[in-house]
Amino acid sequence: MKSVNPSKWKKLLLVLFSITAVILISYRIYYTNATAVQLPSVERYFMNEWVDLNGAFLNTSTENTQGYSMRVTKAELLSYNGYIVKYGIDKDRKIDGLDELSLICLEIEIRNVGNEDGRILIFECKLIPDRKNTYFIPSTALWAESESTLPKDGSIRVLAIKKDSEYTVHIPYKINVKDLENYTEYKKPMRDTSFELVISNSPVRKVIVIEL
């Protein structure tokens, strides 16, 4: 009986190992693709362009944004005191020392056609600079200085307007810091000039390109 050449066994084992490795790698690629989280498509819009939300939402579909539209008509660099002077109801609410140009104020028009109980999760509409390593949030307490109906403690999270109406707001965006004692967020100069305002995350991510 002939004995098998050991070198042939080695070659056969190498072939079998290679085939097995290819099969395992192929399965891994298939599994990864099949189970990967599908990121939503991104739609980009520009200032002065109406953006229909069409049910797209930031956090949960219960926001019910059907019929809601938004557009950014102006972006300006302001200080805390500059915002009070320009948009505040009580011009005497200025605070000594808060004159640094630390805020991006967005003039936003909001329209509601036919929706009786919808709303926008306005606090989650983050402003992301081109550098993408941070984001800015609405300074809700300062925003309340320009709106008599907003809670003065800055607790507003959602915004709803009457059915078949339009409304204009002036939302000051600040760094994501809350320092009630030293007002740190209003003392650092704003250096960024290009941003994206995120107005929905799912099922479509809609952003508005902002340029100062």
C-alpha atoms as a PDB file:
ATOM      1  CA  MET A   1       0.000   0.000   0.000  1.00  0.00           C
ATOM      2  CA  LYS A   2       1.358   3.355  -1.073  1.00  0.00           C
ATOM      3  CA  SER A   3       1.943   6.000   1.577  1.00  0.00           C
ATOM      4  CA  VAL A   4       0.763   9.530   0.882  1.00  0.00           C
ATOM      5  CA  ASN A   5       3.474  12.099   0.361  1.00  0.00           C
ATOM      6  CA  PRO A   6       3.439  14.429   3.428  1.00  0.00           C
ATOM      7  CA  SER A   7       3.899  17.460   1.167  1.00  0.00           C
ATOM      8  CA  LYS A   8       0.642  16.578  -0.645  1.00  0.00           C
ATOM      9  CA  TRP A   9      -1.203  16.489   2.701  1.00  0.00           C
ATOM     10  CA  LYS A  10       0.158  19.898   3.537  1.00  0.00           C
ATOM     11  CA  LYS A  11      -1.002  21.290   0.204  1.00  0.00           C
ATOM     12  CA  LEU A  12      -4.468  19.738   0.664  1.00  0.00           C
ATOM     13  CA  LEU A  13      -4.803  21.159   4.183  1.00  0.00           C
ATOM     14  CA  LEU A  14      -3.686  24.579   2.946  1.00  0.00           C
ATOM     15  CA  VAL A  15      -6.322  24.526   0.200  1.00  0.00           C
ATOM     16  CA  LEU A  16      -9.026  23.470   2.667  1.00  0.00           C
ATOM     17  CA  PHE A  17      -7.948  26.189   5.108  1.00  0.00           C
ATOM     18  CA  SER A  18      -8.017  28.825   2.359  1.00  0.00           C
ATOM     19  CA  ILE A  19     -11.508  27.780   1.230  1.00  0.00           C
ATOM     20  CA  THR A  20     -12.784  27.844   4.814  1.00  0.00           C
ATOM     21  CA  ALA A  21     -11.268  31.275   5.404  1.00  0.00           C
ATOM     22  CA  VAL A  22     -12.899  32.676   2.235  1.00  0.00           C
ATOM     23  CA  ILE A  23     -16.279  31.258   3.289  1.00  0.00           C
ATOM     24  CA  LEU A  24     -16.000  32.733   6.794  1.00  0.00           C
ATOM     25  CA  ILE A  25     -14.906  36.145   5.515  1.00  0.00           C
ATOM     26  CA  SER A  26     -17.697  36.203   2.933  1.00  0.00           C
ATOM     27  CA  TYR A  27     -20.267  35.327   5.605  1.00  0.00           C
ATOM     28  CA  ARG A  28     -18.893  38.014   7.913  1.00  0.00           C
ATOM     29  CA  ILE A  29     -19.203  40.646   5.185  1.00  0.00           C
ATOM     30  CA  TYR A  30     -22.751  39.503   4.377  1.00  0.00           C
ATOM     31  CA  TYR A  31     -23.765  39.505   8.057  1.00  0.00           C
ATOM     32  CA  THR A  32     -22.271  42.942   8.667  1.00  0.00           C
ATOM     33  CA  ASN A  33     -24.065  44.427   5.666  1.00  0.00           C
ATOM     34  CA  ALA A  34     -27.336  42.730   6.540  1.00  0.00           C
ATOM     35  CA  THR A  35     -27.348  43.906  10.146  1.00  0.00           C
ATOM     36  CA  ALA A  36     -25.780  47.360   9.703  1.00  0.00           C
ATOM     37  CA  VAL A  37     -27.824  50.319  10.864  1.00  0.00           C
ATOM     38  CA  GLN A  38     -29.149  52.121   7.833  1.00  0.00           C
ATOM     39  CA  LEU A  39     -28.400  55.812   8.211  1.00  0.00           C
ATOM     40  CA  PRO A  40     -31.132  58.166   7.009  1.00  0.00           C
ATOM     41  CA  SER A  41     -30.610  60.080   3.815  1.00  0.00           C
ATOM     42  CA  VAL A  42     -29.653  63.737   4.218  1.00  0.00           C
ATOM     43  CA  GLU A  43     -31.469  66.627   2.567  1.00  0.00           C
ATOM     44  CA  ARG A  44     -29.744  70.014   2.575  1.00  0.00           C
ATOM     45  CA  TYR A  45     -31.555  73.303   2.184  1.00  0.00           C
ATOM     46  CA  PHE A  46     -30.482  76.925   2.268  1.00  0.00           C
ATOM     47  CA  MET A  47     -31.496  80.153   3.941  1.00  0.00           C
ATOM     48  CA  ASN A  48     -34.774  81.708   2.748  1.00  0.00           C
ATOM     49  CA  GLU A  49     -35.911  78.308   1.448  1.00  0.00           C
ATOM     50  CA  TRP A  50     -39.078  76.787   2.927  1.00  0.00           C
ATOM     51  CA  VAL A  51     -38.484  73.250   4.216  1.00  0.00           C
ATOM     52  CA  ASP A  52     -41.526  70.997   4.563  1.00  0.00           C
ATOM     53  CA  LEU A  53     -41.106  68.575   7.448  1.00  0.00           C
ATOM     54  CA  ASN A  54     -43.803  66.204   6.109  1.00  0.00           C
ATOM     55  CA  GLY A  55     -43.810  64.151   9.297  1.00  0.00           C
ATOM     56  CA  ALA A  56     -40.014  63.975   9.637  1.00  0.00           C
ATOM     57  CA  PHE A  57     -39.017  64.293  13.278  1.00  0.00           C
ATOM     58  CA  LEU A  58     -36.071  64.898  15.574  1.00  0.00           C
ATOM     59  CA  ASN A  59     -36.695  62.395  18.360  1.00  0.00           C
ATOM     60  CA  THR A  60     -40.047  60.639  18.039  1.00  0.00           C
ATOM     61  CA  SER A  61     -42.808  60.448  15.451  1.00  0.00           C
ATOM     62  CA  THR A  62     -45.285  61.710  18.063  1.00  0.00           C
ATOM     63  CA  GLU A  63     -43.949  65.181  17.296  1.00  0.00           C
ATOM     64  CA  ASN A  64     -46.453  65.022  14.418  1.00  0.00           C
ATOM     65  CA  THR A  65     -44.836  67.585  12.116  1.00  0.00           C
ATOM     66  CA  GLN A  66     -47.166  66.962   9.187  1.00  0.00           C
ATOM     67  CA  GLY A  67     -48.099  70.341   7.730  1.00  0.00           C
ATOM     68  CA  TYR A  68     -45.222  72.152   9.452  1.00  0.00           C
ATOM     69  CA  SER A  69     -42.595  74.044   7.463  1.00  0.00           C
ATOM     70  CA  MET A  70     -39.609  76.157   8.464  1.00  0.00           C
ATOM     71  CA  ARG A  71     -37.215  78.579   6.875  1.00  0.00           C
ATOM     72  CA  VAL A  72     -34.293  80.601   8.194  1.00  0.00           C
ATOM     73  CA  THR A  73     -34.484  84.174   6.951  1.00  0.00           C
ATOM     74  CA  LYS A  74     -31.583  85.738   8.843  1.00  0.00           C
ATOM     75  CA  ALA A  75     -28.496  84.786  10.854  1.00  0.00           C
ATOM     76  CA  GLU A  76     -26.589  87.341  12.909  1.00  0.00           C
ATOM     77  CA  LEU A  77     -23.811  87.491  15.464  1.00  0.00           C
ATOM     78  CA  LEU A  78     -24.978  89.018  18.744  1.00  0.00           C
ATOM     79  CA  SER A  79     -24.023  89.435  22.367  1.00  0.00           C
ATOM     80  CA  TYR A  80     -26.361  88.678  25.264  1.00  0.00           C
ATOM     81  CA  ASN A  81     -27.012  92.391  25.778  1.00  0.00           C
ATOM     82  CA  GLY A  82     -27.269  92.957  22.034  1.00  0.00           C
ATOM     83  CA  TYR A  83     -30.087  90.407  21.898  1.00  0.00           C
ATOM     84  CA  ILE A  84     -31.884  92.121  24.771  1.00  0.00           C
ATOM     85  CA  VAL A  85     -31.628  95.514  23.068  1.00  0.00           C
ATOM     86  CA  LYS A  86     -32.740  94.226  19.667  1.00  0.00           C
ATOM     87  CA  TYR A  87     -35.414  91.678  20.557  1.00  0.00           C
ATOM     88  CA  GLY A  88     -36.044  91.875  24.301  1.00  0.00           C
ATOM     89  CA  ILE A  89     -39.373  93.034  25.679  1.00  0.00           C
ATOM     90  CA  ASP A  90     -37.708  94.773  28.620  1.00  0.00           C
ATOM     91  CA  LYS A  91     -34.622  96.638  27.412  1.00  0.00           C
ATOM     92  CA  ASP A  92     -33.455  97.087  31.017  1.00  0.00           C
ATOM     93  CA  ARG A  93     -32.766  93.356  31.392  1.00  0.00           C
ATOM     94  CA  LYS A  94     -29.168  93.765  30.227  1.00  0.00           C
ATOM     95  CA  ILE A  95     -26.394  92.310  32.391  1.00  0.00           C
ATOM     96  CA  ASP A  96     -23.105  94.123  32.938  1.00  0.00           C
ATOM     97  CA  GLY A  97     -20.195  92.516  31.108  1.00  0.00           C
ATOM     98  CA  LEU A  98     -22.194  90.397  28.669  1.00  0.00           C
ATOM     99  CA  ASP A  99     -21.249  92.288  25.521  1.00  0.00           C
ATOM    100  CA  GLU A 100     -19.098  89.649  23.819  1.00  0.00           C
ATOM    101  CA  LEU A 101     -20.361  88.499  20.399  1.00  0.00           C
ATOM    102  CA  SER A 102     -20.989  84.976  21.629  1.00  0.00           C
ATOM    103  CA  LEU A 103     -24.319  84.067  20.025  1.00  0.00           C
ATOM    104  CA  ILE A 104     -25.718  83.146  16.638  1.00  0.00           C
ATOM    105  CA  CYS A 105     -29.259  84.477  16.431  1.00  0.00           C
ATOM    106  CA  LEU A 106     -31.488  82.824  13.832  1.00  0.00           C
ATOM    107  CA  GLU A 107     -34.640  84.421  12.533  1.00  0.00           C
ATOM    108  CA  ILE A 108     -36.900  81.470  11.737  1.00  0.00           C
ATOM    109  CA  GLU A 109     -40.331  81.524  10.148  1.00  0.00           C
ATOM    110  CA  ILE A 110     -42.580  78.603  11.013  1.00  0.00           C
ATOM    111  CA  ARG A 111     -45.733  77.676   9.117  1.00  0.00           C
ATOM    112  CA  ASN A 112     -48.491  75.231  10.053  1.00  0.00           C
ATOM    113  CA  VAL A 113     -51.001  74.134   7.432  1.00  0.00           C
ATOM    114  CA  GLY A 114     -53.880  72.010   8.691  1.00  0.00           C
ATOM    115  CA  ASN A 115     -52.278  70.476  11.790  1.00  0.00           C
ATOM    116  CA  GLU A 116     -54.332  70.756  14.980  1.00  0.00           C
ATOM    117  CA  ASP A 117     -51.960  69.082  17.449  1.00  0.00           C
ATOM    118  CA  GLY A 118     -48.483  68.981  15.915  1.00  0.00           C
ATOM    119  CA  ARG A 119     -45.287  70.456  17.302  1.00  0.00           C
ATOM    120  CA  ILE A 120     -41.567  70.826  16.702  1.00  0.00           C
ATOM    121  CA  LEU A 121     -39.043  69.675  19.278  1.00  0.00           C
ATOM    122  CA  ILE A 122     -37.329  73.010  18.954  1.00  0.00           C
ATOM    123  CA  PHE A 123     -34.729  72.461  21.701  1.00  0.00           C
ATOM    124  CA  GLU A 124     -33.294  69.539  19.695  1.00  0.00           C
ATOM    125  CA  CYS A 125     -32.765  71.692  16.589  1.00  0.00           C
ATOM    126  CA  LYS A 126     -29.013  71.802  17.057  1.00  0.00           C
ATOM    127  CA  LEU A 127     -26.700  74.160  15.198  1.00  0.00           C
ATOM    128  CA  ILE A 128     -23.566  72.328  14.035  1.00  0.00           C
ATOM    129  CA  PRO A 129     -20.515  74.272  12.799  1.00  0.00           C
ATOM    130  CA  ASP A 130     -18.447  73.113   9.833  1.00  0.00           C
ATOM    131  CA  ARG A 131     -15.752  71.726  12.150  1.00  0.00           C
ATOM    132  CA  LYS A 132     -18.332  69.140  13.384  1.00  0.00           C
ATOM    133  CA  ASN A 133     -16.667  68.568  16.764  1.00  0.00           C
ATOM    134  CA  THR A 134     -19.300  70.426  18.795  1.00  0.00           C
ATOM    135  CA  TYR A 135     -22.793  71.853  18.503  1.00  0.00           C
ATOM    136  CA  PHE A 136     -24.739  74.873  19.730  1.00  0.00           C
ATOM    137  CA  ILE A 137     -28.123  74.851  21.454  1.00  0.00           C
ATOM    138  CA  PRO A 138     -30.911  77.405  21.871  1.00  0.00           C
ATOM    139  CA  SER A 139     -30.419  79.723  24.821  1.00  0.00           C
ATOM    140  CA  THR A 140     -34.020  79.233  25.887  1.00  0.00           C
ATOM    141  CA  ALA A 141     -33.859  81.562  28.889  1.00  0.00           C
ATOM    142  CA  LEU A 142     -32.570  84.415  26.728  1.00  0.00           C
ATOM    143  CA  TRP A 143     -35.065  83.584  23.978  1.00  0.00           C
ATOM    144  CA  ALA A 144     -37.840  83.950  26.603  1.00  0.00           C
ATOM    145  CA  GLU A 145     -36.813  87.597  26.975  1.00  0.00           C
ATOM    146  CA  SER A 146     -38.282  88.235  23.518  1.00  0.00           C
ATOM    147  CA  GLU A 147     -41.483  86.177  23.887  1.00  0.00           C
ATOM    148  CA  SER A 148     -44.057  86.989  26.552  1.00  0.00           C
ATOM    149  CA  THR A 149     -45.623  83.527  26.303  1.00  0.00           C
ATOM    150  CA  LEU A 150     -42.433  81.510  26.869  1.00  0.00           C
ATOM    151  CA  PRO A 151     -41.545  80.192  30.348  1.00  0.00           C
ATOM    152  CA  LYS A 152     -39.000  82.540  31.890  1.00  0.00           C
ATOM    153  CA  ASP A 153     -36.999  79.673  33.391  1.00  0.00           C
ATOM    154  CA  GLY A 154     -36.005  78.533  29.899  1.00  0.00           C
ATOM    155  CA  SER A 155     -37.851  75.227  30.158  1.00  0.00           C
ATOM    156  CA  ILE A 156     -39.365  75.369  26.655  1.00  0.00           C
ATOM    157  CA  ARG A 157     -38.643  72.179  24.682  1.00  0.00           C
ATOM    158  CA  VAL A 158     -41.347  72.072  22.014  1.00  0.00           C
ATOM    159  CA  LEU A 159     -42.889  74.734  19.810  1.00  0.00           C
ATOM    160  CA  ALA A 160     -46.425  74.601  18.437  1.00  0.00           C
ATOM    161  CA  ILE A 161     -48.327  77.242  16.492  1.00  0.00           C
ATOM    162  CA  LYS A 162     -51.994  77.497  15.607  1.00  0.00           C
ATOM    163  CA  LYS A 163     -53.417  75.614  12.652  1.00  0.00           C
ATOM    164  CA  ASP A 164     -53.148  77.536   9.350  1.00  0.00           C
ATOM    165  CA  SER A 165     -50.848  80.221  10.720  1.00  0.00           C
ATOM    166  CA  GLU A 166     -47.268  81.496  10.491  1.00  0.00           C
ATOM    167  CA  TYR A 167     -45.003  82.750  13.234  1.00  0.00           C
ATOM    168  CA  THR A 168     -41.505  84.288  13.378  1.00  0.00           C
ATOM    169  CA  VAL A 169     -39.056  83.612  16.201  1.00  0.00           C
ATOM    170  CA  HIS A 170     -35.578  84.877  17.002  1.00  0.00           C
ATOM    171  CA  ILE A 171     -33.646  82.042  18.603  1.00  0.00           C
ATOM    172  CA  PRO A 172     -30.194  82.785  20.093  1.00  0.00           C
ATOM    173  CA  TYR A 173     -27.796  79.813  19.874  1.00  0.00           C
ATOM    174  CA  LYS A 174     -24.996  79.410  22.408  1.00  0.00           C
ATOM    175  CA  ILE A 175     -22.290  76.924  23.324  1.00  0.00           C
ATOM    176  CA  ASN A 176     -23.587  73.860  25.164  1.00  0.00           C
ATOM    177  CA  VAL A 177     -22.794  75.193  28.644  1.00  0.00           C
ATOM    178  CA  LYS A 178     -25.060  76.276  31.480  1.00  0.00           C
ATOM    179  CA  ASP A 179     -23.383  78.489  34.055  1.00  0.00           C
ATOM    180  CA  LEU A 180     -26.064  80.342  36.019  1.00  0.00           C
ATOM    181  CA  GLU A 181     -23.532  82.059  38.247  1.00  0.00           C
ATOM    182  CA  ASN A 182     -20.818  83.280  35.870  1.00  0.00           C
ATOM    183  CA  TYR A 183     -22.608  83.282  32.476  1.00  0.00           C
ATOM    184  CA  THR A 184     -19.572  81.636  30.893  1.00  0.00           C
ATOM    185  CA  GLU A 185     -21.452  80.763  27.711  1.00  0.00           C
ATOM    186  CA  TYR A 186     -22.033  84.440  26.948  1.00  0.00           C
ATOM    187  CA  LYS A 187     -18.427  85.515  27.416  1.00  0.00           C
ATOM    188  CA  LYS A 188     -16.666  83.404  24.795  1.00  0.00           C
ATOM    189  CA  PRO A 189     -16.505  84.941  21.308  1.00  0.00           C
ATOM    190  CA  MET A 190     -18.164  83.026  18.491  1.00  0.00           C
ATOM    191  CA  ARG A 191     -15.540  82.135  15.886  1.00  0.00           C
ATOM    192  CA  ASP A 192     -17.577  79.936  13.540  1.00  0.00           C
ATOM    193  CA  THR A 193     -19.292  81.365  10.473  1.00  0.00           C
ATOM    194  CA  SER A 194     -20.731  78.321   8.654  1.00  0.00           C
ATOM    195  CA  PHE A 195     -23.257  75.926  10.156  1.00  0.00           C
ATOM    196  CA  GLU A 196     -25.992  73.374   9.566  1.00  0.00           C
ATOM    197  CA  LEU A 197     -29.250  73.651  11.488  1.00  0.00           C
ATOM    198  CA  VAL A 198     -30.679  70.170  12.072  1.00  0.00           C
ATOM    199  CA  ILE A 199     -34.484  70.245  11.899  1.00  0.00           C
ATOM    200  CA  SER A 200     -35.175  66.493  11.586  1.00  0.00           C
ATOM    201  CA  ASN A 201     -33.305  63.224  12.095  1.00  0.00           C
ATOM    202  CA  SER A 202     -35.692  60.542  10.837  1.00  0.00           C
ATOM    203  CA  PRO A 203     -36.826  59.063   8.495  1.00  0.00           C
ATOM    204  CA  VAL A 204     -34.980  61.831   6.613  1.00  0.00           C
ATOM    205  CA  ARG A 205     -32.309  64.039   8.125  1.00  0.00           C
ATOM    206  CA  LYS A 206     -33.064  67.598   7.039  1.00  0.00           C
ATOM    207  CA  VAL A 207     -30.578  70.392   7.604  1.00  0.00           C
ATOM    208  CA  ILE A 208     -30.479  74.049   6.653  1.00  0.00           C
ATOM    209  CA  VAL A 209     -27.108  75.499   5.647  1.00  0.00           C
ATOM    210  CA  ILE A 210     -26.392  78.721   7.536  1.00  0.00           C
ATOM    211  CA  GLU A 211     -23.797  81.298   6.510  1.00  0.00           C
ATOM    212  CA  LEU A 212     -23.032  84.477   8.450  1.00  0.00           C
END
